[in-house]
Amino acid sequence: MTSHLNWGIIGPGTIARAFAGGLNHSKTGRLKAIASRSPRPALAEHFPGIPCYEGYQALLDDDAIDAVYIATPHTEHVEWAVKCARAGKHVLVEKPITITADEARAVYGEAERAGVFMGEAYMYRLHPMTEKLVELVRDGAVGEVRMIRSSFGFDIGDAGPEHRLLNAGLAGGGILDVGGYPVSMARLIAGASVGRDYLDPVSVSGSGRIGETGVDEWAAAILTFENGIVAEVACSVQVNQDNVLWIMGSEGRIAVSDFWFASGREGGTATINLYDRDGNHTALPFTDDGWLYAYEADAMHAAIASGGTGFSAPGMSRAESIANIEVMDQWRQAIGLRFPFEG
């Protein structure tokens, strides 16, 4: 295998631009082409010097492309992940990799048959700050973990049903777009507390507001784990939340603001706040100069170079990716959220 991967992007929107910026600062990735169903001049501004194919299939037909980042609307992930795998391309799919766990099993099955890498792009999982947090939990920084509180929520305002996040036909809403972050974090920390990569909850209950457009505008869930840990998770696309991660244990608490972006999209310093049981505070600065989205590209290259077909912990393995969506399936079921195309 070469020292780098030649990347293509399909669905060159906002998140694709963030990933492209990371690729430009990765050690192993090179962006070689993008593909759009409707190429427009603005794409040249956002992806300077990068060729743009008209239509996604044209990108898959390019033998020079080793790996594809899929950043289309959620409803197109399955189709193009499968087509990429069958074309022999390694694939990184923006979360959620699929809308349901059954779809995820099918997609990963295609990748296994094709012998290609398939991964779900929870970028925070590959950042070294996540490893530091797992280390603190495993070393007993807060004693026995008892509760976790985690949210990812924002308010897009009066965007209207044409916006993908408020469009039920595109599987919009908070749970699928950002709810997977706090769910995956709770499972990661619950696992770290017992020396495992992750734990699955034994029960999931939820509540939420389904708006006029048919998507969940805000929602919350309680995840209960076999070791007694209770996690409160929340997400929203119409409510600004504090987005602070709390890990509460027998000997203290950890709090991290805006953890999903670690020390910053382009590097910087974040603070892990540690409180003992008496409330005494210790600030643990975490400085890193790496670009957030570069880590997942480099982790993917490392996995492929070693013969792997999925991320290793703390990245989202195939098994964990499927299990994470199973929790989101249960959360959606708890609030009665079904999209029009689900019948």
C-alpha atoms as a PDB file:
ATOM      1  CA  MET A   1       0.000   0.000   0.000  1.00  0.00           C
ATOM      2  CA  THR A   2       1.186   3.539  -0.757  1.00  0.00           C
ATOM      3  CA  SER A   3       1.966   6.103   1.933  1.00  0.00           C
ATOM      4  CA  HIS A   4      -1.267   7.934   1.192  1.00  0.00           C
ATOM      5  CA  LEU A   5      -4.845   7.488   0.007  1.00  0.00           C
ATOM      6  CA  ASN A   6      -6.314   9.358  -2.934  1.00  0.00           C
ATOM      7  CA  TRP A   7      -9.719  10.592  -1.796  1.00  0.00           C
ATOM      8  CA  GLY A   8     -12.901  11.546  -3.561  1.00  0.00           C
ATOM      9  CA  ILE A   9     -15.938  13.221  -1.991  1.00  0.00           C
ATOM     10  CA  ILE A  10     -19.554  12.803  -3.021  1.00  0.00           C
ATOM     11  CA  GLY A  11     -22.048  15.334  -1.722  1.00  0.00           C
ATOM     12  CA  PRO A  12     -19.733  18.380  -1.460  1.00  0.00           C
ATOM     13  CA  GLY A  13     -21.685  20.424   1.117  1.00  0.00           C
ATOM     14  CA  THR A  14     -20.720  22.054   4.398  1.00  0.00           C
ATOM     15  CA  ILE A  15     -19.477  18.972   6.244  1.00  0.00           C
ATOM     16  CA  ALA A  16     -17.576  17.877   3.134  1.00  0.00           C
ATOM     17  CA  ARG A  17     -15.717  21.192   3.147  1.00  0.00           C
ATOM     18  CA  ALA A  18     -14.706  20.566   6.774  1.00  0.00           C
ATOM     19  CA  PHE A  19     -13.450  17.107   5.886  1.00  0.00           C
ATOM     20  CA  ALA A  20     -11.561  18.461   2.882  1.00  0.00           C
ATOM     21  CA  GLY A  21      -9.828  20.957   5.155  1.00  0.00           C
ATOM     22  CA  GLY A  22      -8.777  18.099   7.389  1.00  0.00           C
ATOM     23  CA  LEU A  23      -7.467  16.115   4.430  1.00  0.00           C
ATOM     24  CA  ASN A  24      -5.294  19.066   3.461  1.00  0.00           C
ATOM     25  CA  HIS A  25      -3.621  18.768   6.867  1.00  0.00           C
ATOM     26  CA  SER A  26      -3.558  14.995   7.176  1.00  0.00           C
ATOM     27  CA  LYS A  27      -0.425  12.913   6.920  1.00  0.00           C
ATOM     28  CA  THR A  28      -1.858  10.312   4.595  1.00  0.00           C
ATOM     29  CA  GLY A  29      -4.750  11.752   2.585  1.00  0.00           C
ATOM     30  CA  ARG A  30      -4.931  13.646  -0.690  1.00  0.00           C
ATOM     31  CA  LEU A  31      -8.181  15.020  -2.076  1.00  0.00           C
ATOM     32  CA  LYS A  32      -8.202  14.262  -5.792  1.00  0.00           C
ATOM     33  CA  ALA A  33     -11.796  14.863  -6.892  1.00  0.00           C
ATOM     34  CA  ILE A  34     -15.322  15.698  -5.807  1.00  0.00           C
ATOM     35  CA  ALA A  35     -18.635  14.771  -7.394  1.00  0.00           C
ATOM     36  CA  SER A  36     -21.920  16.623  -7.527  1.00  0.00           C
ATOM     37  CA  ARG A  37     -25.208  16.011  -9.268  1.00  0.00           C
ATOM     38  CA  SER A  38     -25.300  19.691 -10.152  1.00  0.00           C
ATOM     39  CA  PRO A  39     -21.797  21.189 -10.393  1.00  0.00           C
ATOM     40  CA  ARG A  40     -21.812  24.938  -9.805  1.00  0.00           C
ATOM     41  CA  PRO A  41     -19.193  27.713  -9.731  1.00  0.00           C
ATOM     42  CA  ALA A  42     -19.276  27.963  -5.909  1.00  0.00           C
ATOM     43  CA  LEU A  43     -17.767  24.499  -5.648  1.00  0.00           C
ATOM     44  CA  ALA A  44     -14.580  25.743  -7.268  1.00  0.00           C
ATOM     45  CA  GLU A  45     -14.330  28.365  -4.544  1.00  0.00           C
ATOM     46  CA  HIS A  46     -14.813  25.831  -1.743  1.00  0.00           C
ATOM     47  CA  PHE A  47     -12.600  23.151  -3.319  1.00  0.00           C
ATOM     48  CA  PRO A  48      -9.965  25.164  -5.222  1.00  0.00           C
ATOM     49  CA  GLY A  49      -8.050  23.241  -7.831  1.00  0.00           C
ATOM     50  CA  ILE A  50     -10.064  20.043  -7.302  1.00  0.00           C
ATOM     51  CA  PRO A  51     -11.786  18.477 -10.338  1.00  0.00           C
ATOM     52  CA  CYS A  52     -15.549  18.083 -10.034  1.00  0.00           C
ATOM     53  CA  TYR A  53     -17.342  15.175 -11.690  1.00  0.00           C
ATOM     54  CA  GLU A  54     -20.935  15.517 -12.769  1.00  0.00           C
ATOM     55  CA  GLY A  55     -22.714  12.646 -11.063  1.00  0.00           C
ATOM     56  CA  TYR A  56     -21.485  10.387  -8.288  1.00  0.00           C
ATOM     57  CA  GLN A  57     -20.937   7.316 -10.440  1.00  0.00           C
ATOM     58  CA  ALA A  58     -18.292   9.127 -12.475  1.00  0.00           C
ATOM     59  CA  LEU A  59     -16.183   9.425  -9.327  1.00  0.00           C
ATOM     60  CA  LEU A  60     -16.536   5.719  -8.610  1.00  0.00           C
ATOM     61  CA  ASP A  61     -15.411   4.946 -12.166  1.00  0.00           C
ATOM     62  CA  ASP A  62     -12.102   6.751 -11.596  1.00  0.00           C
ATOM     63  CA  ASP A  63      -9.452   4.118 -10.900  1.00  0.00           C
ATOM     64  CA  ALA A  64      -7.204   6.748  -9.330  1.00  0.00           C
ATOM     65  CA  ILE A  65      -9.581   7.168  -6.367  1.00  0.00           C
ATOM     66  CA  ASP A  66      -8.771   4.867  -3.439  1.00  0.00           C
ATOM     67  CA  ALA A  67     -11.272   6.081  -0.845  1.00  0.00           C
ATOM     68  CA  VAL A  68     -14.583   7.928  -0.872  1.00  0.00           C
ATOM     69  CA  TYR A  69     -16.112  10.169   1.759  1.00  0.00           C
ATOM     70  CA  ILE A  70     -19.919  10.138   1.537  1.00  0.00           C
ATOM     71  CA  ALA A  71     -21.496  13.402   2.678  1.00  0.00           C
ATOM     72  CA  THR A  72     -24.883  13.150   0.966  1.00  0.00           C
ATOM     73  CA  PRO A  73     -28.206  13.462   2.828  1.00  0.00           C
ATOM     74  CA  HIS A  74     -28.847  10.526   5.179  1.00  0.00           C
ATOM     75  CA  THR A  75     -31.305   8.845   2.847  1.00  0.00           C
ATOM     76  CA  GLU A  76     -28.616   8.318   0.199  1.00  0.00           C
ATOM     77  CA  HIS A  77     -25.965   6.771   2.445  1.00  0.00           C
ATOM     78  CA  VAL A  78     -26.975   3.149   1.901  1.00  0.00           C
ATOM     79  CA  GLU A  79     -27.112   3.368  -1.887  1.00  0.00           C
ATOM     80  CA  TRP A  80     -23.748   5.012  -2.310  1.00  0.00           C
ATOM     81  CA  ALA A  81     -21.947   3.133   0.438  1.00  0.00           C
ATOM     82  CA  VAL A  82     -22.947  -0.104  -1.278  1.00  0.00           C
ATOM     83  CA  LYS A  83     -21.969   1.198  -4.713  1.00  0.00           C
ATOM     84  CA  CYS A  84     -18.589   2.371  -3.401  1.00  0.00           C
ATOM     85  CA  ALA A  85     -17.885  -1.011  -1.813  1.00  0.00           C
ATOM     86  CA  ARG A  86     -18.839  -2.858  -4.994  1.00  0.00           C
ATOM     87  CA  ALA A  87     -16.550  -0.540  -6.946  1.00  0.00           C
ATOM     88  CA  GLY A  88     -13.671  -1.572  -4.687  1.00  0.00           C
ATOM     89  CA  LYS A  89     -13.389   1.775  -2.923  1.00  0.00           C
ATOM     90  CA  HIS A  90     -12.676   2.180   0.776  1.00  0.00           C
ATOM     91  CA  VAL A  91     -15.508   4.155   2.327  1.00  0.00           C
ATOM     92  CA  LEU A  92     -15.966   6.691   5.121  1.00  0.00           C
ATOM     93  CA  VAL A  93     -19.643   7.568   5.580  1.00  0.00           C
ATOM     94  CA  GLU A  94     -20.715  10.682   7.440  1.00  0.00           C
ATOM     95  CA  LYS A  95     -22.825   9.773  10.459  1.00  0.00           C
ATOM     96  CA  PRO A  96     -25.302   8.258  10.658  1.00  0.00           C
ATOM     97  CA  ILE A  97     -23.913   5.606   8.355  1.00  0.00           C
ATOM     98  CA  THR A  98     -27.490   4.456   7.787  1.00  0.00           C
ATOM     99  CA  ILE A  99     -30.959   5.269   9.108  1.00  0.00           C
ATOM    100  CA  THR A 100     -31.559   1.918  10.816  1.00  0.00           C
ATOM    101  CA  ALA A 101     -29.427  -0.829  12.332  1.00  0.00           C
ATOM    102  CA  ASP A 102     -30.699  -3.347   9.772  1.00  0.00           C
ATOM    103  CA  GLU A 103     -29.438  -1.097   6.988  1.00  0.00           C
ATOM    104  CA  ALA A 104     -26.088  -0.796   8.750  1.00  0.00           C
ATOM    105  CA  ARG A 105     -25.738  -4.572   8.894  1.00  0.00           C
ATOM    106  CA  ALA A 106     -26.411  -4.752   5.168  1.00  0.00           C
ATOM    107  CA  VAL A 107     -23.918  -2.012   4.307  1.00  0.00           C
ATOM    108  CA  TYR A 108     -21.139  -3.481   6.430  1.00  0.00           C
ATOM    109  CA  GLY A 109     -21.909  -6.874   4.919  1.00  0.00           C
ATOM    110  CA  GLU A 110     -21.308  -5.457   1.444  1.00  0.00           C
ATOM    111  CA  ALA A 111     -17.965  -4.031   2.564  1.00  0.00           C
ATOM    112  CA  GLU A 112     -16.951  -7.364   4.081  1.00  0.00           C
ATOM    113  CA  ARG A 113     -17.765  -9.217   0.871  1.00  0.00           C
ATOM    114  CA  ALA A 114     -15.814  -6.643  -1.158  1.00  0.00           C
ATOM    115  CA  GLY A 115     -12.863  -6.688   1.238  1.00  0.00           C
ATOM    116  CA  VAL A 116     -12.821  -2.899   1.644  1.00  0.00           C
ATOM    117  CA  PHE A 117     -12.706  -0.595   4.633  1.00  0.00           C
ATOM    118  CA  MET A 118     -16.036   0.805   5.798  1.00  0.00           C
ATOM    119  CA  GLY A 119     -16.301   3.313   8.633  1.00  0.00           C
ATOM    120  CA  GLU A 120     -18.712   5.754  10.230  1.00  0.00           C
ATOM    121  CA  ALA A 121     -17.405   9.300  10.617  1.00  0.00           C
ATOM    122  CA  TYR A 122     -17.691  10.213  14.289  1.00  0.00           C
ATOM    123  CA  MET A 123     -14.625  12.430  14.071  1.00  0.00           C
ATOM    124  CA  TYR A 124     -14.313  13.088  17.826  1.00  0.00           C
ATOM    125  CA  ARG A 125     -13.659   9.396  18.446  1.00  0.00           C
ATOM    126  CA  LEU A 126     -10.293   9.535  16.659  1.00  0.00           C
ATOM    127  CA  HIS A 127      -9.017  12.678  18.420  1.00  0.00           C
ATOM    128  CA  PRO A 128      -6.325  12.170  21.091  1.00  0.00           C
ATOM    129  CA  MET A 129      -8.437  14.097  23.604  1.00  0.00           C
ATOM    130  CA  THR A 130     -10.938  11.230  23.545  1.00  0.00           C
ATOM    131  CA  GLU A 131      -8.147   8.803  24.432  1.00  0.00           C
ATOM    132  CA  LYS A 132      -7.189  11.094  27.318  1.00  0.00           C
ATOM    133  CA  LEU A 133     -10.742  11.105  28.632  1.00  0.00           C
ATOM    134  CA  VAL A 134     -10.964   7.311  28.440  1.00  0.00           C
ATOM    135  CA  GLU A 135      -7.641   7.103  30.279  1.00  0.00           C
ATOM    136  CA  LEU A 136      -8.894   9.362  33.089  1.00  0.00           C
ATOM    137  CA  VAL A 137     -12.022   7.252  33.544  1.00  0.00           C
ATOM    138  CA  ARG A 138     -10.099   3.978  33.530  1.00  0.00           C
ATOM    139  CA  ASP A 139      -7.585   5.372  36.015  1.00  0.00           C
ATOM    140  CA  GLY A 140     -10.391   6.209  38.441  1.00  0.00           C
ATOM    141  CA  ALA A 141     -10.241  10.010  38.206  1.00  0.00           C
ATOM    142  CA  VAL A 142     -13.876  10.202  39.362  1.00  0.00           C
ATOM    143  CA  GLY A 143     -13.986   6.885  41.184  1.00  0.00           C
ATOM    144  CA  GLU A 144     -16.844   4.601  40.191  1.00  0.00           C
ATOM    145  CA  VAL A 145     -18.779   6.152  37.322  1.00  0.00           C
ATOM    146  CA  ARG A 146     -22.455   6.518  38.242  1.00  0.00           C
ATOM    147  CA  MET A 147     -24.043   9.000  35.855  1.00  0.00           C
ATOM    148  CA  ILE A 148     -23.252  10.542  32.466  1.00  0.00           C
ATOM    149  CA  ARG A 149     -24.912  13.598  30.979  1.00  0.00           C
ATOM    150  CA  SER A 150     -24.276  14.553  27.376  1.00  0.00           C
ATOM    151  CA  SER A 151     -25.990  16.751  24.785  1.00  0.00           C
ATOM    152  CA  PHE A 152     -25.546  18.016  21.259  1.00  0.00           C
ATOM    153  CA  GLY A 153     -28.118  20.599  20.300  1.00  0.00           C
ATOM    154  CA  PHE A 154     -28.466  23.793  18.280  1.00  0.00           C
ATOM    155  CA  ASP A 155     -31.204  25.971  16.816  1.00  0.00           C
ATOM    156  CA  ILE A 156     -31.339  26.381  13.051  1.00  0.00           C
ATOM    157  CA  GLY A 157     -34.164  28.904  13.391  1.00  0.00           C
ATOM    158  CA  ASP A 158     -36.888  29.367  10.768  1.00  0.00           C
ATOM    159  CA  ALA A 159     -35.179  27.353   8.074  1.00  0.00           C
ATOM    160  CA  GLY A 160     -38.410  25.776   6.836  1.00  0.00           C
ATOM    161  CA  PRO A 161     -39.154  22.230   5.657  1.00  0.00           C
ATOM    162  CA  GLU A 162     -36.901  22.608   2.616  1.00  0.00           C
ATOM    163  CA  HIS A 163     -33.876  22.474   4.955  1.00  0.00           C
ATOM    164  CA  ARG A 164     -32.551  18.920   5.205  1.00  0.00           C
ATOM    165  CA  LEU A 165     -32.691  19.005   9.024  1.00  0.00           C
ATOM    166  CA  LEU A 166     -36.423  19.755   8.973  1.00  0.00           C
ATOM    167  CA  ASN A 167     -37.237  17.510   6.042  1.00  0.00           C
ATOM    168  CA  ALA A 168     -38.803  14.182   7.024  1.00  0.00           C
ATOM    169  CA  GLY A 169     -38.272  12.874   3.501  1.00  0.00           C
ATOM    170  CA  LEU A 170     -34.518  13.286   4.033  1.00  0.00           C
ATOM    171  CA  ALA A 171     -34.580  11.718   7.531  1.00  0.00           C
ATOM    172  CA  GLY A 172     -33.996  15.044   9.234  1.00  0.00           C
ATOM    173  CA  GLY A 173     -34.263  15.873  12.917  1.00  0.00           C
ATOM    174  CA  GLY A 174     -31.963  15.766  15.895  1.00  0.00           C
ATOM    175  CA  ILE A 175     -31.688  12.066  16.734  1.00  0.00           C
ATOM    176  CA  LEU A 176     -30.179  10.989  13.427  1.00  0.00           C
ATOM    177  CA  ASP A 177     -28.158  14.133  12.803  1.00  0.00           C
ATOM    178  CA  VAL A 178     -26.554  14.708  16.207  1.00  0.00           C
ATOM    179  CA  GLY A 179     -28.190  12.337  18.696  1.00  0.00           C
ATOM    180  CA  GLY A 180     -25.667   9.653  17.871  1.00  0.00           C
ATOM    181  CA  TYR A 181     -22.908  11.762  19.430  1.00  0.00           C
ATOM    182  CA  PRO A 182     -24.173  11.728  23.038  1.00  0.00           C
ATOM    183  CA  VAL A 183     -25.353   8.127  22.635  1.00  0.00           C
ATOM    184  CA  SER A 184     -21.925   7.022  21.427  1.00  0.00           C
ATOM    185  CA  MET A 185     -20.194   9.002  24.163  1.00  0.00           C
ATOM    186  CA  ALA A 186     -22.330   7.471  26.915  1.00  0.00           C
ATOM    187  CA  ARG A 187     -21.577   3.987  25.584  1.00  0.00           C
ATOM    188  CA  LEU A 188     -17.859   4.784  25.345  1.00  0.00           C
ATOM    189  CA  ILE A 189     -17.606   6.074  28.928  1.00  0.00           C
ATOM    190  CA  ALA A 190     -19.751   3.273  30.348  1.00  0.00           C
ATOM    191  CA  GLY A 191     -17.396   0.818  28.695  1.00  0.00           C
ATOM    192  CA  ALA A 192     -14.248   2.634  29.848  1.00  0.00           C
ATOM    193  CA  SER A 193     -15.502   2.432  33.427  1.00  0.00           C
ATOM    194  CA  VAL A 194     -15.225  -1.372  33.285  1.00  0.00           C
ATOM    195  CA  GLY A 195     -12.195  -1.620  31.016  1.00  0.00           C
ATOM    196  CA  ARG A 196     -14.101  -2.322  27.813  1.00  0.00           C
ATOM    197  CA  ASP A 197     -14.255  -0.435  24.507  1.00  0.00           C
ATOM    198  CA  TYR A 198     -17.970   0.271  24.987  1.00  0.00           C
ATOM    199  CA  LEU A 199     -21.119  -0.978  26.676  1.00  0.00           C
ATOM    200  CA  ASP A 200     -24.607  -1.287  25.280  1.00  0.00           C
ATOM    201  CA  PRO A 201     -27.488  -0.094  27.454  1.00  0.00           C
ATOM    202  CA  VAL A 202     -29.909  -2.676  28.813  1.00  0.00           C
ATOM    203  CA  SER A 203     -32.794  -0.219  28.524  1.00  0.00           C
ATOM    204  CA  VAL A 204     -33.584   2.921  26.545  1.00  0.00           C
ATOM    205  CA  SER A 205     -36.460   5.298  27.235  1.00  0.00           C
ATOM    206  CA  GLY A 206     -37.065   8.566  25.465  1.00  0.00           C
ATOM    207  CA  SER A 207     -39.212  11.587  24.884  1.00  0.00           C
ATOM    208  CA  GLY A 208     -39.221  14.302  22.277  1.00  0.00           C
ATOM    209  CA  ARG A 209     -41.074  16.879  20.251  1.00  0.00           C
ATOM    210  CA  ILE A 210     -42.025  15.965  16.695  1.00  0.00           C
ATOM    211  CA  GLY A 211     -42.736  19.170  14.793  1.00  0.00           C
ATOM    212  CA  GLU A 212     -45.109  19.978  11.977  1.00  0.00           C
ATOM    213  CA  THR A 213     -42.567  18.887   9.403  1.00  0.00           C
ATOM    214  CA  GLY A 214     -42.479  15.388  10.903  1.00  0.00           C
ATOM    215  CA  VAL A 215     -38.971  15.411  12.382  1.00  0.00           C
ATOM    216  CA  ASP A 216     -37.806  15.460  15.987  1.00  0.00           C
ATOM    217  CA  GLU A 217     -36.993  19.067  16.847  1.00  0.00           C
ATOM    218  CA  TRP A 218     -35.705  18.210  20.316  1.00  0.00           C
ATOM    219  CA  ALA A 219     -35.455  14.937  22.192  1.00  0.00           C
ATOM    220  CA  ALA A 220     -33.966  13.324  25.272  1.00  0.00           C
ATOM    221  CA  ALA A 221     -33.358   9.753  26.382  1.00  0.00           C
ATOM    222  CA  ILE A 222     -32.296   7.771  29.433  1.00  0.00           C
ATOM    223  CA  LEU A 223     -29.850   4.923  28.873  1.00  0.00           C
ATOM    224  CA  THR A 224     -29.386   2.414  31.693  1.00  0.00           C
ATOM    225  CA  PHE A 225     -26.381   0.088  31.706  1.00  0.00           C
ATOM    226  CA  GLU A 226     -25.862  -3.303  33.301  1.00  0.00           C
ATOM    227  CA  ASN A 227     -23.352  -1.898  35.788  1.00  0.00           C
ATOM    228  CA  GLY A 228     -25.876   0.622  37.118  1.00  0.00           C
ATOM    229  CA  ILE A 229     -24.678   3.658  35.179  1.00  0.00           C
ATOM    230  CA  VAL A 230     -27.481   5.949  34.067  1.00  0.00           C
ATOM    231  CA  ALA A 231     -26.871   8.286  31.124  1.00  0.00           C
ATOM    232  CA  GLU A 232     -28.997  11.287  30.200  1.00  0.00           C
ATOM    233  CA  VAL A 233     -28.593  12.208  26.537  1.00  0.00           C
ATOM    234  CA  ALA A 234     -30.248  14.996  24.563  1.00  0.00           C
ATOM    235  CA  CYS A 235     -30.211  16.441  21.060  1.00  0.00           C
ATOM    236  CA  SER A 236     -31.983  19.167  19.122  1.00  0.00           C
ATOM    237  CA  VAL A 237     -32.120  21.130  15.906  1.00  0.00           C
ATOM    238  CA  GLN A 238     -34.440  23.828  17.276  1.00  0.00           C
ATOM    239  CA  VAL A 239     -32.993  24.373  20.769  1.00  0.00           C
ATOM    240  CA  ASN A 240     -29.575  25.702  21.741  1.00  0.00           C
ATOM    241  CA  GLN A 241     -28.137  23.392  24.408  1.00  0.00           C
ATOM    242  CA  ASP A 242     -25.050  23.736  26.600  1.00  0.00           C
ATOM    243  CA  ASN A 243     -23.334  20.740  24.929  1.00  0.00           C
ATOM    244  CA  VAL A 244     -21.321  19.998  28.050  1.00  0.00           C
ATOM    245  CA  LEU A 245     -20.215  16.448  28.763  1.00  0.00           C
ATOM    246  CA  TRP A 246     -20.535  15.458  32.428  1.00  0.00           C
ATOM    247  CA  ILE A 247     -19.112  12.256  33.909  1.00  0.00           C
ATOM    248  CA  MET A 248     -20.156  11.864  37.542  1.00  0.00           C
ATOM    249  CA  GLY A 249     -18.685   9.310  39.900  1.00  0.00           C
ATOM    250  CA  SER A 250     -18.248   8.315  43.522  1.00  0.00           C
ATOM    251  CA  GLU A 251     -15.127  10.466  43.958  1.00  0.00           C
ATOM    252  CA  GLY A 252     -15.758  13.451  41.706  1.00  0.00           C
ATOM    253  CA  ARG A 253     -16.916  14.783  38.338  1.00  0.00           C
ATOM    254  CA  ILE A 254     -15.492  15.618  34.936  1.00  0.00           C
ATOM    255  CA  ALA A 255     -16.923  18.374  32.737  1.00  0.00           C
ATOM    256  CA  VAL A 256     -15.872  19.246  29.179  1.00  0.00           C
ATOM    257  CA  SER A 257     -17.525  21.952  27.104  1.00  0.00           C
ATOM    258  CA  ASP A 258     -18.183  21.360  23.387  1.00  0.00           C
ATOM    259  CA  PHE A 259     -16.399  18.042  23.529  1.00  0.00           C
ATOM    260  CA  TRP A 260     -17.513  17.054  20.023  1.00  0.00           C
ATOM    261  CA  PHE A 261     -14.986  19.470  18.530  1.00  0.00           C
ATOM    262  CA  ALA A 262     -12.245  18.523  21.004  1.00  0.00           C
ATOM    263  CA  SER A 263      -9.513  21.162  20.952  1.00  0.00           C
ATOM    264  CA  GLY A 264     -10.915  22.778  17.823  1.00  0.00           C
ATOM    265  CA  ARG A 265     -11.451  21.959  14.160  1.00  0.00           C
ATOM    266  CA  GLU A 266      -7.999  23.352  13.374  1.00  0.00           C
ATOM    267  CA  GLY A 267      -6.305  22.475  16.658  1.00  0.00           C
ATOM    268  CA  GLY A 268      -6.029  24.508  19.827  1.00  0.00           C
ATOM    269  CA  THR A 269      -6.561  24.098  23.557  1.00  0.00           C
ATOM    270  CA  ALA A 270      -9.548  22.682  25.396  1.00  0.00           C
ATOM    271  CA  THR A 271     -10.019  22.154  29.120  1.00  0.00           C
ATOM    272  CA  ILE A 272     -10.996  19.013  30.963  1.00  0.00           C
ATOM    273  CA  ASN A 273     -12.463  20.229  34.256  1.00  0.00           C
ATOM    274  CA  LEU A 274     -11.997  17.829  37.149  1.00  0.00           C
ATOM    275  CA  TYR A 275     -13.853  18.263  40.456  1.00  0.00           C
ATOM    276  CA  ASP A 276     -13.257  16.153  43.542  1.00  0.00           C
ATOM    277  CA  ARG A 277     -16.119  15.074  45.793  1.00  0.00           C
ATOM    278  CA  ASP A 278     -15.782  18.290  47.809  1.00  0.00           C
ATOM    279  CA  GLY A 279     -16.109  20.446  44.696  1.00  0.00           C
ATOM    280  CA  ASN A 280     -12.449  21.450  44.447  1.00  0.00           C
ATOM    281  CA  HIS A 281     -11.619  22.212  40.832  1.00  0.00           C
ATOM    282  CA  THR A 282      -8.585  21.262  38.766  1.00  0.00           C
ATOM    283  CA  ALA A 283      -8.301  22.482  35.175  1.00  0.00           C
ATOM    284  CA  LEU A 284      -6.512  20.074  32.864  1.00  0.00           C
ATOM    285  CA  PRO A 285      -5.658  21.924  29.619  1.00  0.00           C
ATOM    286  CA  PHE A 286      -5.389  19.741  26.533  1.00  0.00           C
ATOM    287  CA  THR A 287      -3.487  21.257  23.631  1.00  0.00           C
ATOM    288  CA  ASP A 288      -3.251  19.694  20.215  1.00  0.00           C
ATOM    289  CA  ASP A 289      -2.259  21.214  16.880  1.00  0.00           C
ATOM    290  CA  GLY A 290      -3.852  18.564  14.659  1.00  0.00           C
ATOM    291  CA  TRP A 291      -6.894  19.244  12.519  1.00  0.00           C
ATOM    292  CA  LEU A 292      -9.950  17.444  13.852  1.00  0.00           C
ATOM    293  CA  TYR A 293     -11.030  15.883  10.553  1.00  0.00           C
ATOM    294  CA  ALA A 294      -7.501  14.816   9.684  1.00  0.00           C
ATOM    295  CA  TYR A 295      -7.451  12.237  12.457  1.00  0.00           C
ATOM    296  CA  GLU A 296     -10.192  10.063  10.988  1.00  0.00           C
ATOM    297  CA  ALA A 297      -8.517  10.097   7.567  1.00  0.00           C
ATOM    298  CA  ASP A 298      -5.163   9.086   9.062  1.00  0.00           C
ATOM    299  CA  ALA A 299      -6.780   6.432  11.278  1.00  0.00           C
ATOM    300  CA  MET A 300      -8.473   4.977   8.226  1.00  0.00           C
ATOM    301  CA  HIS A 301      -5.172   4.810   6.337  1.00  0.00           C
ATOM    302  CA  ALA A 302      -3.493   3.129   9.311  1.00  0.00           C
ATOM    303  CA  ALA A 303      -6.237   0.533   9.521  1.00  0.00           C
ATOM    304  CA  ILE A 304      -6.046  -0.265   5.816  1.00  0.00           C
ATOM    305  CA  ALA A 305      -2.242  -0.420   5.907  1.00  0.00           C
ATOM    306  CA  SER A 306      -2.427  -3.033   8.648  1.00  0.00           C
ATOM    307  CA  GLY A 307      -5.010  -5.097   6.777  1.00  0.00           C
ATOM    308  CA  GLY A 308      -7.998  -3.851   8.742  1.00  0.00           C
ATOM    309  CA  THR A 309     -11.434  -3.135   7.320  1.00  0.00           C
ATOM    310  CA  GLY A 310     -12.779  -0.954  10.140  1.00  0.00           C
ATOM    311  CA  PHE A 311     -11.773   1.465  12.868  1.00  0.00           C
ATOM    312  CA  SER A 312     -10.184   0.272  16.088  1.00  0.00           C
ATOM    313  CA  ALA A 313     -11.163   1.662  19.494  1.00  0.00           C
ATOM    314  CA  PRO A 314     -11.777   4.372  20.400  1.00  0.00           C
ATOM    315  CA  GLY A 315     -12.961   4.744  16.824  1.00  0.00           C
ATOM    316  CA  MET A 316     -16.337   3.240  15.933  1.00  0.00           C
ATOM    317  CA  SER A 317     -15.854  -0.397  14.969  1.00  0.00           C
ATOM    318  CA  ARG A 318     -18.386  -2.102  12.736  1.00  0.00           C
ATOM    319  CA  ALA A 319     -20.017  -3.850  15.702  1.00  0.00           C
ATOM    320  CA  GLU A 320     -20.229  -0.679  17.739  1.00  0.00           C
ATOM    321  CA  SER A 321     -21.546   1.348  14.815  1.00  0.00           C
ATOM    322  CA  ILE A 322     -24.439  -1.078  14.379  1.00  0.00           C
ATOM    323  CA  ALA A 323     -25.104  -1.184  18.124  1.00  0.00           C
ATOM    324  CA  ASN A 324     -25.114   2.614  18.308  1.00  0.00           C
ATOM    325  CA  ILE A 325     -27.805   2.841  15.635  1.00  0.00           C
ATOM    326  CA  GLU A 326     -29.811   0.187  17.480  1.00  0.00           C
ATOM    327  CA  VAL A 327     -30.029   2.598  20.418  1.00  0.00           C
ATOM    328  CA  MET A 328     -31.122   5.381  18.065  1.00  0.00           C
ATOM    329  CA  ASP A 329     -33.754   3.021  16.618  1.00  0.00           C
ATOM    330  CA  GLN A 330     -35.104   2.494  20.131  1.00  0.00           C
ATOM    331  CA  TRP A 331     -35.022   6.234  20.849  1.00  0.00           C
ATOM    332  CA  ARG A 332     -37.002   6.982  17.702  1.00  0.00           C
ATOM    333  CA  GLN A 333     -39.455   4.229  18.525  1.00  0.00           C
ATOM    334  CA  ALA A 334     -39.928   5.631  22.043  1.00  0.00           C
ATOM    335  CA  ILE A 335     -41.054   9.013  20.680  1.00  0.00           C
ATOM    336  CA  GLY A 336     -43.044   7.576  17.784  1.00  0.00           C
ATOM    337  CA  LEU A 337     -40.804   8.927  15.032  1.00  0.00           C
ATOM    338  CA  ARG A 338     -41.150   7.226  11.663  1.00  0.00           C
ATOM    339  CA  PHE A 339     -40.252   8.828   8.383  1.00  0.00           C
ATOM    340  CA  PRO A 340     -42.649   8.769   5.410  1.00  0.00           C
ATOM    341  CA  PHE A 341     -40.520   6.307   3.463  1.00  0.00           C
ATOM    342  CA  GLU A 342     -40.547   3.834   6.383  1.00  0.00           C
ATOM    343  CA  GLY A 343     -44.264   3.108   5.927  1.00  0.00           C
END
